[in-house]
Structure formats: structure tokens, C-alpha cells
PDB file of N, CA and C in Angstrom:
ATOM      1  N   MET A   1       0.874  -1.182  -0.039  1.00  0.00           N
ATOM      2  CA  MET A   1       0.020  -0.022  -0.030  1.00  0.00           C
ATOM      3  C   MET A   1       0.866   1.234  -0.019  1.00  0.00           C
ATOM      4  N   PRO A   2       0.600   2.178  -0.909  1.00  0.00           N
ATOM      5  CA  PRO A   2       1.434   3.404  -0.884  1.00  0.00           C
ATOM      6  C   PRO A   2       1.312   4.267   0.348  1.00  0.00           C
ATOM      7  N   LYS A   3       2.293   5.091   0.565  1.00  0.00           N
ATOM      8  CA  LYS A   3       2.192   6.046   1.621  1.00  0.00           C
ATOM      9  C   LYS A   3       1.216   7.099   1.383  1.00  0.00           C
ATOM     10  N   LEU A   4       0.603   7.516   2.512  1.00  0.00           N
ATOM     11  CA  LEU A   4      -0.394   8.657   2.422  1.00  0.00           C
ATOM     12  C   LEU A   4       0.342   9.973   2.439  1.00  0.00           C
ATOM     13  N   LYS A   5      -0.109  10.861   1.558  1.00  0.00           N
ATOM     14  CA  LYS A   5       0.420  12.170   1.486  1.00  0.00           C
ATOM     15  C   LYS A   5      -0.408  13.144   2.391  1.00  0.00           C
ATOM     16  N   THR A   6       0.308  14.009   3.082  1.00  0.00           N
ATOM     17  CA  THR A   6      -0.389  15.001   3.928  1.00  0.00           C
ATOM     18  C   THR A   6      -0.997  16.065   3.083  1.00  0.00           C
ATOM     19  N   HIS A   7      -2.256  16.418   3.269  1.00  0.00           N
ATOM     20  CA  HIS A   7      -2.922  17.499   2.629  1.00  0.00           C
ATOM     21  C   HIS A   7      -2.429  18.764   3.253  1.00  0.00           C
ATOM     22  N   LYS A   8      -1.617  19.581   2.553  1.00  0.00           N
ATOM     23  CA  LYS A   8      -0.890  20.678   3.131  1.00  0.00           C
ATOM     24  C   LYS A   8      -1.790  21.806   3.625  1.00  0.00           C
ATOM     25  N   ALA A   9      -2.930  22.043   2.862  1.00  0.00           N
ATOM     26  CA  ALA A   9      -3.877  23.118   3.343  1.00  0.00           C
ATOM     27  C   ALA A   9      -4.461  22.688   4.705  1.00  0.00           C
ATOM     28  N   THR A  10      -4.698  21.375   4.880  1.00  0.00           N
ATOM     29  CA  THR A  10      -5.268  20.998   6.149  1.00  0.00           C
ATOM     30  C   THR A  10      -4.210  21.038   7.279  1.00  0.00           C
ATOM     31  N   ALA A  11      -2.967  20.695   6.940  1.00  0.00           N
ATOM     32  CA  ALA A  11      -1.908  20.787   7.919  1.00  0.00           C
ATOM     33  C   ALA A  11      -1.637  22.125   8.475  1.00  0.00           C
ATOM     34  N   LYS A  12      -1.927  23.188   7.652  1.00  0.00           N
ATOM     35  CA  LYS A  12      -1.725  24.562   8.121  1.00  0.00           C
ATOM     36  C   LYS A  12      -2.846  25.012   9.021  1.00  0.00           C
ATOM     37  N   ARG A  13      -4.035  24.374   8.973  1.00  0.00           N
ATOM     38  CA  ARG A  13      -5.133  24.831   9.649  1.00  0.00           C
ATOM     39  C   ARG A  13      -5.404  24.041  10.994  1.00  0.00           C
ATOM     40  N   PHE A  14      -4.842  22.833  11.185  1.00  0.00           N
ATOM     41  CA  PHE A  14      -5.138  22.062  12.235  1.00  0.00           C
ATOM     42  C   PHE A  14      -3.782  21.648  12.903  1.00  0.00           C
ATOM     43  N   LYS A  15      -3.852  21.523  14.285  1.00  0.00           N
ATOM     44  CA  LYS A  15      -2.752  21.091  15.017  1.00  0.00           C
ATOM     45  C   LYS A  15      -3.141  19.827  15.833  1.00  0.00           C
ATOM     46  N   VAL A  16      -2.157  18.936  16.066  1.00  0.00           N
ATOM     47  CA  VAL A  16      -2.412  17.781  16.902  1.00  0.00           C
ATOM     48  C   VAL A  16      -1.657  17.955  18.192  1.00  0.00           C
ATOM     49  N   THR A  17      -2.411  17.748  19.299  1.00  0.00           N
ATOM     50  CA  THR A  17      -1.765  17.889  20.665  1.00  0.00           C
ATOM     51  C   THR A  17      -0.949  16.622  20.918  1.00  0.00           C
ATOM     52  N   GLY A  18      -0.278  16.614  22.060  1.00  0.00           N
ATOM     53  CA  GLY A  18       0.581  15.507  22.426  1.00  0.00           C
ATOM     54  C   GLY A  18      -0.202  14.242  22.643  1.00  0.00           C
ATOM     55  N   LYS A  19      -1.447  14.396  23.060  1.00  0.00           N
ATOM     56  CA  LYS A  19      -2.311  13.230  23.299  1.00  0.00           C
ATOM     57  C   LYS A  19      -3.153  12.835  22.083  1.00  0.00           C
ATOM     58  N   GLY A  20      -2.925  13.591  21.014  1.00  0.00           N
ATOM     59  CA  GLY A  20      -3.641  13.232  19.753  1.00  0.00           C
ATOM     60  C   GLY A  20      -4.868  13.880  19.428  1.00  0.00           C
ATOM     61  N   LYS A  21      -5.200  14.878  20.225  1.00  0.00           N
ATOM     62  CA  LYS A  21      -6.488  15.645  19.970  1.00  0.00           C
ATOM     63  C   LYS A  21      -6.200  16.692  18.851  1.00  0.00           C
ATOM     64  N   LEU A  22      -7.255  16.900  18.143  1.00  0.00           N
ATOM     65  CA  LEU A  22      -7.165  17.922  16.954  1.00  0.00           C
ATOM     66  C   LEU A  22      -7.610  19.187  17.452  1.00  0.00           C
ATOM     67  N   ARG A  23      -6.859  20.312  17.207  1.00  0.00           N
ATOM     68  CA  ARG A  23      -7.276  21.637  17.574  1.00  0.00           C
ATOM     69  C   ARG A  23      -7.229  22.556  16.302  1.00  0.00           C
ATOM     70  N   ARG A  24      -8.149  23.513  16.364  1.00  0.00           N
ATOM     71  CA  ARG A  24      -8.295  24.486  15.295  1.00  0.00           C
ATOM     72  C   ARG A  24      -8.526  25.922  15.819  1.00  0.00           C
ATOM     73  N   LEU A  25      -8.328  26.861  14.981  1.00  0.00           N
ATOM     74  CA  LEU A  25      -8.628  28.248  15.354  1.00  0.00           C
ATOM     75  C   LEU A  25      -9.987  28.538  14.795  1.00  0.00           C
ATOM     76  N   ARG A  26     -10.598  29.586  15.339  1.00  0.00           N
ATOM     77  CA  ARG A  26     -11.987  29.962  15.015  1.00  0.00           C
ATOM     78  C   ARG A  26     -12.063  30.699  13.644  1.00  0.00           C
ATOM     79  N   ALA A  27     -13.224  30.553  13.021  1.00  0.00           N
ATOM     80  CA  ALA A  27     -13.392  31.306  11.741  1.00  0.00           C
ATOM     81  C   ALA A  27     -13.650  32.796  12.039  1.00  0.00           C
ATOM     82  N   GLY A  28     -13.442  33.606  11.047  1.00  0.00           N
ATOM     83  CA  GLY A  28     -13.859  35.019  11.083  1.00  0.00           C
ATOM     84  C   GLY A  28     -12.854  35.939  11.832  1.00  0.00           C
ATOM     85  N   ARG A  29     -11.579  35.450  11.804  1.00  0.00           N
ATOM     86  CA  ARG A  29     -10.611  36.168  12.595  1.00  0.00           C
ATOM     87  C   ARG A  29     -10.084  37.393  11.818  1.00  0.00           C
ATOM     88  N   SER A  30     -10.142  37.480  10.497  1.00  0.00           N
ATOM     89  CA  SER A  30      -9.406  38.430   9.816  1.00  0.00           C
ATOM     90  C   SER A  30     -10.209  39.601   9.154  1.00  0.00           C
ATOM     91  N   HIS A  31     -11.529  39.203   8.869  1.00  0.00           N
ATOM     92  CA  HIS A  31     -12.307  40.134   8.098  1.00  0.00           C
ATOM     93  C   HIS A  31     -13.204  40.961   9.021  1.00  0.00           C
ATOM     94  N   LEU A  32     -13.244  42.271   8.733  1.00  0.00           N
ATOM     95  CA  LEU A  32     -14.082  43.245   9.452  1.00  0.00           C
ATOM     96  C   LEU A  32     -13.840  43.183  11.000  1.00  0.00           C
ATOM     97  N   ARG A  33     -12.573  43.232  11.367  1.00  0.00           N
ATOM     98  CA  ARG A  33     -12.256  43.174  12.834  1.00  0.00           C
ATOM     99  C   ARG A  33     -12.468  44.413  13.557  1.00  0.00           C
ATOM    100  N   ARG A  34     -12.548  45.540  12.897  1.00  0.00           N
ATOM    101  CA  ARG A  34     -12.705  46.793  13.661  1.00  0.00           C
ATOM    102  C   ARG A  34     -14.037  46.964  14.328  1.00  0.00           C
ATOM    103  N   LYS A  35     -14.982  46.331  13.802  1.00  0.00           N
ATOM    104  CA  LYS A  35     -16.385  46.482  14.392  1.00  0.00           C
ATOM    105  C   LYS A  35     -16.631  45.442  15.480  1.00  0.00           C
ATOM    106  N   LYS A  36     -15.723  44.485  15.605  1.00  0.00           N
ATOM    107  CA  LYS A  36     -15.964  43.412  16.718  1.00  0.00           C
ATOM    108  C   LYS A  36     -15.370  43.897  18.053  1.00  0.00           C
ATOM    109  N   SER A  37     -16.045  43.472  19.048  1.00  0.00           N
ATOM    110  CA  SER A  37     -15.575  43.902  20.390  1.00  0.00           C
ATOM    111  C   SER A  37     -14.304  43.272  20.804  1.00  0.00           C
ATOM    112  N   LYS A  38     -13.656  43.892  21.705  1.00  0.00           N
ATOM    113  CA  LYS A  38     -12.304  43.401  22.143  1.00  0.00           C
ATOM    114  C   LYS A  38     -12.376  42.017  22.767  1.00  0.00           C
ATOM    115  N   ARG A  39     -13.483  41.755  23.439  1.00  0.00           N
ATOM    116  CA  ARG A  39     -13.720  40.402  24.042  1.00  0.00           C
ATOM    117  C   ARG A  39     -13.783  39.334  22.891  1.00  0.00           C
ATOM    118  N   VAL A  40     -14.507  39.623  21.776  1.00  0.00           N
ATOM    119  CA  VAL A  40     -14.650  38.712  20.659  1.00  0.00           C
ATOM    120  C   VAL A  40     -13.269  38.489  20.058  1.00  0.00           C
ATOM    121  N   LEU A  41     -12.582  39.599  19.837  1.00  0.00           N
ATOM    122  CA  LEU A  41     -11.212  39.455  19.232  1.00  0.00           C
ATOM    123  C   LEU A  41     -10.267  38.598  20.110  1.00  0.00           C
ATOM    124  N   ARG A  42     -10.330  38.758  21.402  1.00  0.00           N
ATOM    125  CA  ARG A  42      -9.510  37.859  22.274  1.00  0.00           C
ATOM    126  C   ARG A  42      -9.933  36.426  22.141  1.00  0.00           C
ATOM    127  N   ALA A  43     -11.174  36.163  21.995  1.00  0.00           N
ATOM    128  CA  ALA A  43     -11.717  34.783  21.905  1.00  0.00           C
ATOM    129  C   ALA A  43     -11.178  34.163  20.653  1.00  0.00           C
ATOM    130  N   PHE A  44     -10.794  34.926  19.633  1.00  0.00           N
ATOM    131  CA  PHE A  44     -10.371  34.289  18.390  1.00  0.00           C
ATOM    132  C   PHE A  44      -8.972  33.731  18.499  1.00  0.00           C
ATOM    133  N   ASP A  45      -8.195  34.121  19.623  1.00  0.00           N
ATOM    134  CA  ASP A  45      -6.923  33.642  19.816  1.00  0.00           C
ATOM    135  C   ASP A  45      -6.865  32.256  20.417  1.00  0.00           C
ATOM    136  N   LYS A  46      -7.990  31.760  20.986  1.00  0.00           N
ATOM    137  CA  LYS A  46      -7.988  30.481  21.602  1.00  0.00           C
ATOM    138  C   LYS A  46      -8.266  29.371  20.570  1.00  0.00           C
ATOM    139  N   TYR A  47      -7.645  28.213  20.852  1.00  0.00           N
ATOM    140  CA  TYR A  47      -7.921  27.026  20.068  1.00  0.00           C
ATOM    141  C   TYR A  47      -9.141  26.291  20.498  1.00  0.00           C
ATOM    142  N   GLU A  48      -9.842  25.765  19.484  1.00  0.00           N
ATOM    143  CA  GLU A  48     -11.060  24.925  19.845  1.00  0.00           C
ATOM    144  C   GLU A  48     -10.831  23.620  19.283  1.00  0.00           C
ATOM    145  N   SER A  49     -11.545  22.615  19.930  1.00  0.00           N
ATOM    146  CA  SER A  49     -11.410  21.187  19.433  1.00  0.00           C
ATOM    147  C   SER A  49     -12.203  21.012  18.191  1.00  0.00           C
ATOM    148  N   VAL A  50     -11.703  20.086  17.423  1.00  0.00           N
ATOM    149  CA  VAL A  50     -12.437  19.768  16.157  1.00  0.00           C
ATOM    150  C   VAL A  50     -13.800  18.951  16.533  1.00  0.00           C
ATOM    151  N   ASP A  51     -14.848  19.219  15.812  1.00  0.00           N
ATOM    152  CA  ASP A  51     -16.075  18.612  16.065  1.00  0.00           C
ATOM    153  C   ASP A  51     -15.948  17.077  15.821  1.00  0.00           C
ATOM    154  N   PRO A  52     -16.622  16.226  16.597  1.00  0.00           N
ATOM    155  CA  PRO A  52     -16.487  14.833  16.423  1.00  0.00           C
ATOM    156  C   PRO A  52     -16.835  14.358  15.013  1.00  0.00           C
ATOM    157  N   VAL A  53     -17.762  15.001  14.366  1.00  0.00           N
ATOM    158  CA  VAL A  53     -18.171  14.663  13.043  1.00  0.00           C
ATOM    159  C   VAL A  53     -17.031  14.763  12.047  1.00  0.00           C
ATOM    160  N   ASP A  54     -16.177  15.698  12.218  1.00  0.00           N
ATOM    161  CA  ASP A  54     -15.104  15.973  11.287  1.00  0.00           C
ATOM    162  C   ASP A  54     -13.817  15.418  11.594  1.00  0.00           C
ATOM    163  N   ARG A  55     -13.636  14.719  12.781  1.00  0.00           N
ATOM    164  CA  ARG A  55     -12.323  14.254  13.176  1.00  0.00           C
ATOM    165  C   ARG A  55     -11.750  13.223  12.254  1.00  0.00           C
ATOM    166  N   LYS A  56     -12.609  12.232  11.882  1.00  0.00           N
ATOM    167  CA  LYS A  56     -12.069  11.156  10.986  1.00  0.00           C
ATOM    168  C   LYS A  56     -11.585  11.753   9.648  1.00  0.00           C
ATOM    169  N   ARG A  57     -12.246  12.656   9.049  1.00  0.00           N
ATOM    170  CA  ARG A  57     -11.903  13.192   7.779  1.00  0.00           C
ATOM    171  C   ARG A  57     -10.610  14.001   7.987  1.00  0.00           C
ATOM    172  N   VAL A  58     -10.463  14.756   9.000  1.00  0.00           N
ATOM    173  CA  VAL A  58      -9.264  15.701   9.209  1.00  0.00           C
ATOM    174  C   VAL A  58      -8.062  14.754   9.486  1.00  0.00           C
ATOM    175  N   ARG A  59      -8.240  13.715  10.249  1.00  0.00           N
ATOM    176  CA  ARG A  59      -7.142  12.861  10.518  1.00  0.00           C
ATOM    177  C   ARG A  59      -6.676  12.167   9.218  1.00  0.00           C
ATOM    178  N   ARG A  60      -7.654  11.769   8.401  1.00  0.00           N
ATOM    179  CA  ARG A  60      -7.207  11.143   7.155  1.00  0.00           C
ATOM    180  C   ARG A  60      -6.452  12.122   6.273  1.00  0.00           C
ATOM    181  N   LEU A  61      -6.909  13.427   6.169  1.00  0.00           N
ATOM    182  CA  LEU A  61      -6.197  14.454   5.364  1.00  0.00           C
ATOM    183  C   LEU A  61      -4.792  14.653   5.907  1.00  0.00           C
ATOM    184  N   LEU A  62      -4.600  14.625   7.260  1.00  0.00           N
ATOM    185  CA  LEU A  62      -3.345  14.923   7.850  1.00  0.00           C
ATOM    186  C   LEU A  62      -2.376  13.709   7.751  1.00  0.00           C
ATOM    187  N   GLY A  63      -2.896  12.500   7.198  1.00  0.00           N
ATOM    188  CA  GLY A  63      -2.037  11.376   7.069  1.00  0.00           C
ATOM    189  C   GLY A  63      -1.860  10.612   8.444  1.00  0.00           C
ATOM    190  N   LEU A  64      -2.683  10.856   9.417  1.00  0.00           N
ATOM    191  CA  LEU A  64      -2.527  10.178  10.712  1.00  0.00           C
ATOM    192  C   LEU A  64      -3.165   8.842  10.696  1.00  0.00           C
ATOM    193  N   LYS A  65      -2.722   7.941  11.495  1.00  0.00           N
ATOM    194  CA  LYS A  65      -3.273   6.641  11.654  1.00  0.00           C
ATOM    195  C   LYS A  65      -4.464   6.710  12.589  1.00  0.00           C
ATOM    196  N   ARG A  66      -5.237   5.672  12.550  1.00  0.00           N
ATOM    197  CA  ARG A  66      -6.420   5.670  13.438  1.00  0.00           C
ATOM    198  C   ARG A  66      -6.051   5.546  14.912  1.00  0.00           C
ATOM    199  N   ARG A  67      -6.834   6.297  15.736  1.00  0.00           N
ATOM    200  CA  ARG A  67      -6.567   6.252  17.120  1.00  0.00           C
ATOM    201  C   ARG A  67      -7.019   4.903  17.845  1.00  0.00           C
ATOM    202  N   LYS A  68      -6.355   4.484  18.736  1.00  0.00           N
ATOM    203  CA  LYS A  68      -6.684   3.160  19.389  1.00  0.00           C
ATOM    204  C   LYS A  68      -7.656   3.412  20.548  1.00  0.00           C
TER     205      LYS A  68
END
């Protein structure tokens, strides 16, 4: 079976923690920031976990093996 290639656009958007969890940044960070409150802008800096529905697809795109 050939090696899996990493989907580079996905690799730039998602990070894997030491325990194997998938983390992502929130959408809407860059567009029309002036009208957003400071509290909302600070919330954009925090990482969120990937929704369970999307985990399998993101892991496959990153070229990761299945979790045990």
C-alpha cells in the first residue's frame, strides 16, 4: 500500500496535541475586525477542538493513523 500524502492546506489549519487531539482556530478572525468587540477578538486567539463529526476526515487528510 502506498504512503499517504499529507494534505498541506489541512496541515496549516489544524494542530495535533501530544495526546492526539485535533485543535483548530476559529473562523472570522481576519475580516471586518474593527467592528468586533475586544472580547470577541481575544476569543479568536484560543484554540477549539475539532467537532467529532469532522475528526475522521481531518485525521485522514493529515495522514494520521487511526486512534486506538
